[in-house]
Amino acid sequence: MKNTFLLVLIVLALTSCSIKGVSRYRNITYIEDQLLGKLPEKKLNVFAPKKSNGDNEVLIFIHGGSWNSGKKEIYNFLGNRFARKGVVTVIIDYPLSPEYQVHDMALASAQAVKWTAQNIFKYGGNPGKIFVSGHSAGGHLASLITVREEYFDTLHFKNPIKGAVLIDAAGLDMKWFLEQMNYEPGTEYLVTFTDSPEVWKDTSPIYFLDENDPPLLILMGEKTLPGIKLSTERFLEKYKELVPEPDFHVQKGKKHKPMIVQFIYTRNKVYDWILVFMSQKIL
């Protein structure tokens, strides 16, 4: 009986810790149906510190899932943990393959940033302190909208991104990857990226790096997927021409999925890396 009572107290304590200090706003529409004549309605969730003062940093997270799966609800834990650390966090859904292709996904991600810049003050965030992040395919989209202006130009909006956190990002040089893999038309990645090498290049962040880009924090697992490792190494080689000492961490022993699962642990050192990066990169 005593052990049962103790267990109940522990569960209640953990539950109160997870709820305390965070305001949650779910299923907010950031894309109205048929935006620009083609994008579907999409929603996002906002997690904000209850004591936010209007000057809090903002992190927009784009989920992974090979560009054809995943949903924002899976990453509620990330929103909760960042909010408890003082960051107003936005978790988005975006159009997925096979119904939509990579340019649609990037445009939707840019629209999420635009919505955030226009509305995040309502949730205590500073629209001048917006960062984007993503894991895997989401890391690709985060990096693409950070370094390529076309998507914000299409939305007639100045890119407000102050920096990007790439978590084991896929597709940093998708042109090279698809050429190496020599996939048959109609296979999974080509449904998303089309059969056109021009589209592959247009959606590969490596080809749009320049000295005016916002800073990048790049995280890669030591035991990640070979394609991600090789693409990241190619990306870093090009990035070092602009930033000789990039903010880059290889996480020892980490495979691809554990690179995002690690964020379940509130005291993970990666949170500190990200918080320091954001605090130092406000221009």
Protein backbone atom coordinates (compact mmCIF):
# COMPACT_ATOMS: atom_id res chain seq x y z
CA MET A 1 0.00 0.00 0.00
CA LYS A 2 2.82 2.37 0.91
CA ASN A 3 4.63 1.62 -2.35
CA THR A 4 1.44 2.21 -4.36
CA PHE A 5 0.90 5.56 -2.66
CA LEU A 6 4.49 6.55 -3.40
CA LEU A 7 4.07 5.58 -7.05
CA VAL A 8 0.94 7.74 -7.31
CA LEU A 9 2.83 10.71 -5.85
CA ILE A 10 5.64 10.25 -8.34
CA VAL A 11 3.21 10.09 -11.28
CA LEU A 12 1.37 13.19 -10.06
CA ALA A 13 4.65 15.04 -9.63
CA LEU A 14 5.80 14.15 -13.12
CA THR A 15 2.43 15.11 -14.56
CA SER A 16 2.41 18.50 -12.83
CA CYS A 17 5.97 19.17 -14.00
CA SER A 18 5.00 18.47 -17.59
CA ILE A 19 1.98 20.83 -17.38
CA LYS A 20 3.40 23.61 -15.22
CA GLY A 21 4.47 26.79 -16.93
CA VAL A 22 3.38 26.08 -20.52
CA SER A 23 0.43 27.48 -22.49
CA ARG A 24 -0.64 25.34 -25.44
CA TYR A 25 -2.54 26.48 -28.51
CA ARG A 26 -3.47 23.69 -30.89
CA ASN A 27 -4.60 23.36 -34.50
CA ILE A 28 -4.19 26.96 -35.57
CA THR A 29 -4.67 27.39 -39.30
CA TYR A 30 -1.65 28.95 -40.98
CA ILE A 31 -2.57 27.99 -44.55
CA GLU A 32 -6.09 28.57 -45.80
CA ASP A 33 -7.24 26.02 -48.35
CA GLN A 34 -5.99 26.72 -51.87
CA LEU A 35 -3.33 29.25 -50.89
CA LEU A 36 -1.68 30.36 -54.14
CA GLY A 37 -4.18 28.14 -55.90
CA LYS A 38 -2.66 24.85 -54.80
CA LEU A 39 -1.73 24.44 -51.13
CA PRO A 40 -4.19 22.68 -48.81
CA GLU A 41 -5.30 23.93 -45.41
CA LYS A 42 -2.60 23.22 -42.81
CA LYS A 43 -2.35 23.82 -39.09
CA LEU A 44 0.26 24.31 -36.40
CA ASN A 45 0.59 24.13 -32.61
CA VAL A 46 2.15 26.80 -30.41
CA PHE A 47 3.79 26.11 -27.04
CA ALA A 48 4.59 29.22 -25.01
CA PRO A 49 6.04 29.86 -21.55
CA LYS A 50 3.25 31.18 -19.34
CA LYS A 51 5.58 33.90 -18.12
CA SER A 52 6.73 35.01 -21.59
CA ASN A 53 7.30 38.75 -21.76
CA GLY A 54 6.95 39.35 -25.48
CA ASP A 55 10.69 39.14 -26.08
CA ASN A 56 11.11 35.37 -26.05
CA GLU A 57 13.00 33.61 -28.79
CA VAL A 58 10.92 31.59 -31.25
CA LEU A 59 11.67 28.17 -32.72
CA ILE A 60 9.65 26.70 -35.60
CA PHE A 61 10.05 22.92 -35.91
CA ILE A 62 9.44 20.98 -39.15
CA HIS A 63 9.04 17.24 -38.69
CA GLY A 64 10.74 14.49 -40.64
CA GLY A 65 9.25 11.42 -42.28
CA SER A 66 10.82 11.04 -45.75
CA TRP A 67 8.63 13.89 -47.05
CA ASN A 68 5.64 11.51 -47.12
CA SER A 69 4.70 10.89 -43.48
CA GLY A 70 4.69 12.39 -39.98
CA LYS A 71 2.50 14.84 -38.11
CA LYS A 72 2.94 17.68 -35.66
CA GLU A 73 1.33 15.88 -32.69
CA ILE A 74 4.24 13.43 -32.47
CA TYR A 75 6.46 16.34 -31.43
CA ASN A 76 4.35 17.86 -28.67
CA PHE A 77 7.08 16.82 -26.26
CA LEU A 78 9.53 19.06 -28.11
CA GLY A 79 7.21 22.04 -27.85
CA ASN A 80 6.66 21.45 -24.15
CA ARG A 81 10.34 21.11 -23.33
CA PHE A 82 11.48 24.15 -25.30
CA ALA A 83 8.66 26.24 -23.84
CA ARG A 84 9.73 25.28 -20.33
CA LYS A 85 13.19 26.53 -21.30
CA GLY A 86 11.79 29.91 -22.32
CA VAL A 87 11.38 29.42 -26.08
CA VAL A 88 8.04 29.99 -27.82
CA THR A 89 7.84 26.90 -30.01
CA VAL A 90 5.80 26.35 -33.16
CA ILE A 91 5.29 22.79 -34.48
CA ILE A 92 3.86 22.59 -37.99
CA ASP A 93 2.20 20.17 -40.37
CA TYR A 94 2.91 20.57 -44.08
CA PRO A 95 1.68 18.99 -47.34
CA LEU A 96 3.09 15.50 -47.91
CA SER A 97 3.95 13.31 -50.87
CA PRO A 98 2.57 11.74 -53.01
CA GLU A 99 -0.21 14.35 -53.26
CA TYR A 100 2.30 17.21 -53.08
CA GLN A 101 5.89 17.70 -54.13
CA VAL A 102 8.96 19.29 -52.62
CA HIS A 103 8.39 22.87 -53.81
CA ASP A 104 4.91 22.77 -52.23
CA MET A 105 6.39 21.60 -48.93
CA ALA A 106 9.00 24.33 -48.91
CA LEU A 107 6.44 26.99 -49.78
CA ALA A 108 4.19 25.76 -46.96
CA SER A 109 7.12 25.87 -44.54
CA ALA A 110 7.87 29.44 -45.59
CA GLN A 111 4.20 30.32 -45.08
CA ALA A 112 4.47 28.92 -41.52
CA VAL A 113 7.39 31.27 -40.92
CA LYS A 114 5.41 34.19 -42.38
CA TRP A 115 2.43 33.38 -40.14
CA THR A 116 4.74 33.19 -37.15
CA ALA A 117 6.37 36.52 -37.92
CA GLN A 118 2.93 38.14 -38.17
CA ASN A 119 1.28 36.48 -35.17
CA ILE A 120 3.77 35.19 -32.63
CA PHE A 121 3.63 38.38 -30.54
CA LYS A 122 0.18 37.19 -29.41
CA TYR A 123 1.90 34.25 -27.71
CA GLY A 124 4.78 36.14 -26.13
CA GLY A 125 7.33 35.56 -28.87
CA ASN A 126 9.51 38.21 -30.49
CA PRO A 127 9.02 38.24 -34.30
CA GLY A 128 12.59 39.53 -34.58
CA LYS A 129 13.94 36.35 -32.98
CA ILE A 130 12.64 33.58 -35.24
CA PHE A 131 14.67 30.41 -35.81
CA VAL A 132 13.73 27.29 -37.76
CA SER A 133 14.64 23.68 -37.14
CA GLY A 134 13.87 20.24 -38.46
CA HIS A 135 14.89 16.62 -38.33
CA SER A 136 15.62 14.52 -41.42
CA ALA A 137 13.27 15.69 -44.23
CA GLY A 138 12.24 18.55 -41.95
CA GLY A 139 15.89 19.55 -41.66
CA HIS A 140 16.05 19.68 -45.44
CA LEU A 141 13.02 21.98 -45.62
CA ALA A 142 14.32 24.18 -42.79
CA SER A 143 17.67 24.62 -44.51
CA LEU A 144 16.10 25.18 -47.93
CA ILE A 145 13.84 28.05 -46.85
CA THR A 146 16.70 29.54 -44.83
CA VAL A 147 19.18 29.80 -47.70
CA ARG A 148 16.88 30.16 -50.73
CA GLU A 149 14.78 33.32 -51.02
CA GLU A 150 12.41 32.12 -53.75
CA TYR A 151 9.76 30.85 -51.34
CA PHE A 152 9.50 34.08 -49.36
CA ASP A 153 9.61 36.05 -52.61
CA THR A 154 6.59 34.06 -53.79
CA LEU A 155 4.80 35.02 -50.57
CA HIS A 156 5.88 38.68 -50.95
CA PHE A 157 7.47 38.60 -47.53
CA LYS A 158 10.99 39.35 -46.32
CA ASN A 159 12.70 36.29 -44.88
CA PRO A 160 12.70 36.81 -41.06
CA ILE A 161 14.77 33.71 -40.18
CA LYS A 162 17.67 34.49 -37.83
CA GLY A 163 19.21 31.02 -37.92
CA ALA A 164 18.51 27.34 -38.54
CA VAL A 165 19.11 24.24 -36.44
CA LEU A 166 19.54 21.17 -38.66
CA ILE A 167 19.07 17.86 -36.84
CA ASP A 168 20.47 15.00 -38.94
CA ALA A 169 19.12 16.74 -42.01
CA ALA A 170 18.43 14.79 -45.18
CA GLY A 171 18.63 16.15 -48.72
CA LEU A 172 21.26 18.85 -48.28
CA ASP A 173 22.58 17.83 -51.70
CA MET A 174 19.60 15.96 -53.13
CA LYS A 175 20.85 16.34 -56.71
CA TRP A 176 24.04 14.44 -55.93
CA PHE A 177 22.17 11.84 -53.86
CA LEU A 178 19.56 11.07 -56.52
CA GLU A 179 22.19 10.90 -59.23
CA GLN A 180 24.19 8.43 -57.15
CA MET A 181 21.16 6.27 -56.37
CA ASN A 182 19.96 6.14 -59.99
CA TYR A 183 16.35 5.51 -58.94
CA GLU A 184 13.74 4.36 -61.43
CA PRO A 185 10.98 6.90 -62.24
CA GLY A 186 8.03 6.61 -59.87
CA THR A 187 10.07 5.45 -56.88
CA GLU A 188 9.52 7.06 -53.48
CA TYR A 189 11.97 9.96 -53.57
CA LEU A 190 11.27 10.76 -57.22
CA VAL A 191 7.56 11.10 -56.47
CA THR A 192 8.53 13.90 -54.08
CA PHE A 193 11.40 15.43 -56.05
CA THR A 194 10.10 14.58 -59.57
CA ASP A 195 12.19 13.06 -62.33
CA SER A 196 13.79 16.40 -63.15
CA PRO A 197 17.46 16.97 -62.26
CA GLU A 198 16.69 20.68 -62.43
CA VAL A 199 14.21 20.32 -59.56
CA TRP A 200 16.74 18.22 -57.63
CA LYS A 201 19.25 21.06 -57.87
CA ASP A 202 16.65 23.77 -57.19
CA THR A 203 15.72 22.05 -53.92
CA SER A 204 19.25 21.19 -52.73
CA PRO A 205 20.36 23.79 -50.16
CA ILE A 206 24.06 23.27 -50.97
CA TYR A 207 23.67 25.19 -54.25
CA PHE A 208 22.24 28.30 -52.57
CA LEU A 209 24.77 28.97 -49.84
CA ASP A 210 26.15 32.50 -49.78
CA GLU A 211 27.66 35.02 -47.37
CA ASN A 212 24.27 36.60 -46.60
CA ASP A 213 22.71 33.42 -45.21
CA PRO A 214 21.56 33.25 -41.58
CA PRO A 215 23.87 31.12 -39.39
CA LEU A 216 23.44 27.36 -39.15
CA LEU A 217 23.79 24.95 -36.26
CA ILE A 218 24.35 21.51 -37.80
CA LEU A 219 23.92 18.30 -35.78
CA MET A 220 24.70 14.86 -37.19
CA GLY A 221 24.67 11.39 -35.68
CA GLU A 222 27.95 9.47 -35.88
CA LYS A 223 26.03 6.36 -37.01
CA THR A 224 23.40 8.06 -39.14
CA LEU A 225 22.26 6.85 -42.56
CA PRO A 226 25.06 6.78 -45.16
CA GLY A 227 23.23 9.13 -47.52
CA ILE A 228 22.76 11.73 -44.78
CA LYS A 229 26.37 11.44 -43.66
CA LEU A 230 27.81 11.85 -47.15
CA SER A 231 25.42 14.66 -48.08
CA THR A 232 26.17 16.51 -44.84
CA GLU A 233 29.91 16.17 -45.42
CA ARG A 234 29.50 17.63 -48.93
CA PHE A 235 27.39 20.45 -47.53
CA LEU A 236 29.96 21.22 -44.81
CA GLU A 237 32.79 21.32 -47.34
CA LYS A 238 30.92 24.01 -49.27
CA TYR A 239 29.75 25.82 -46.13
CA LYS A 240 33.30 26.08 -44.81
CA GLU A 241 34.18 28.27 -47.80
CA LEU A 242 31.89 30.85 -46.20
CA VAL A 243 32.18 29.90 -42.51
CA PRO A 244 35.60 28.35 -41.86
CA GLU A 245 34.60 27.12 -38.39
CA PRO A 246 30.95 26.07 -38.65
CA ASP A 247 28.81 25.34 -35.62
CA PHE A 248 28.82 21.58 -36.21
CA HIS A 249 28.44 18.67 -33.78
CA VAL A 250 28.81 14.97 -34.48
CA GLN A 251 26.97 13.08 -31.75
CA LYS A 252 28.90 9.98 -30.85
CA GLY A 253 27.09 6.68 -31.27
CA LYS A 254 23.81 8.27 -32.42
CA LYS A 255 21.79 6.75 -35.27
CA HIS A 256 19.24 8.68 -37.32
CA LYS A 257 16.06 8.24 -35.25
CA PRO A 258 17.77 8.66 -31.87
CA MET A 259 18.91 12.09 -33.06
CA ILE A 260 15.34 13.30 -32.51
CA VAL A 261 14.29 10.85 -29.78
CA GLN A 262 17.07 12.26 -27.56
CA PHE A 263 15.01 15.44 -27.12
CA ILE A 264 12.58 13.53 -24.90
CA TYR A 265 15.24 13.82 -22.21
CA THR A 266 14.82 17.35 -20.84
CA ARG A 267 18.41 17.65 -19.63
CA ASN A 268 19.95 16.60 -22.93
CA LYS A 269 23.01 18.74 -23.70
CA VAL A 270 21.66 19.45 -27.19
CA TYR A 271 19.10 21.80 -25.68
CA ASP A 272 21.99 23.84 -24.29
CA TRP A 273 23.71 23.92 -27.69
CA ILE A 274 20.53 25.21 -29.32
CA LEU A 275 19.76 27.78 -26.63
CA VAL A 276 23.30 29.16 -26.78
CA PHE A 277 23.16 29.25 -30.59
CA MET A 278 19.91 31.23 -30.58
CA SER A 279 21.02 33.64 -27.90
CA GLN A 280 24.26 34.41 -29.75
CA LYS A 281 22.85 34.72 -33.27
CA ILE A 282 20.33 37.53 -32.86
CA LEU A 283 21.47 40.14 -35.38
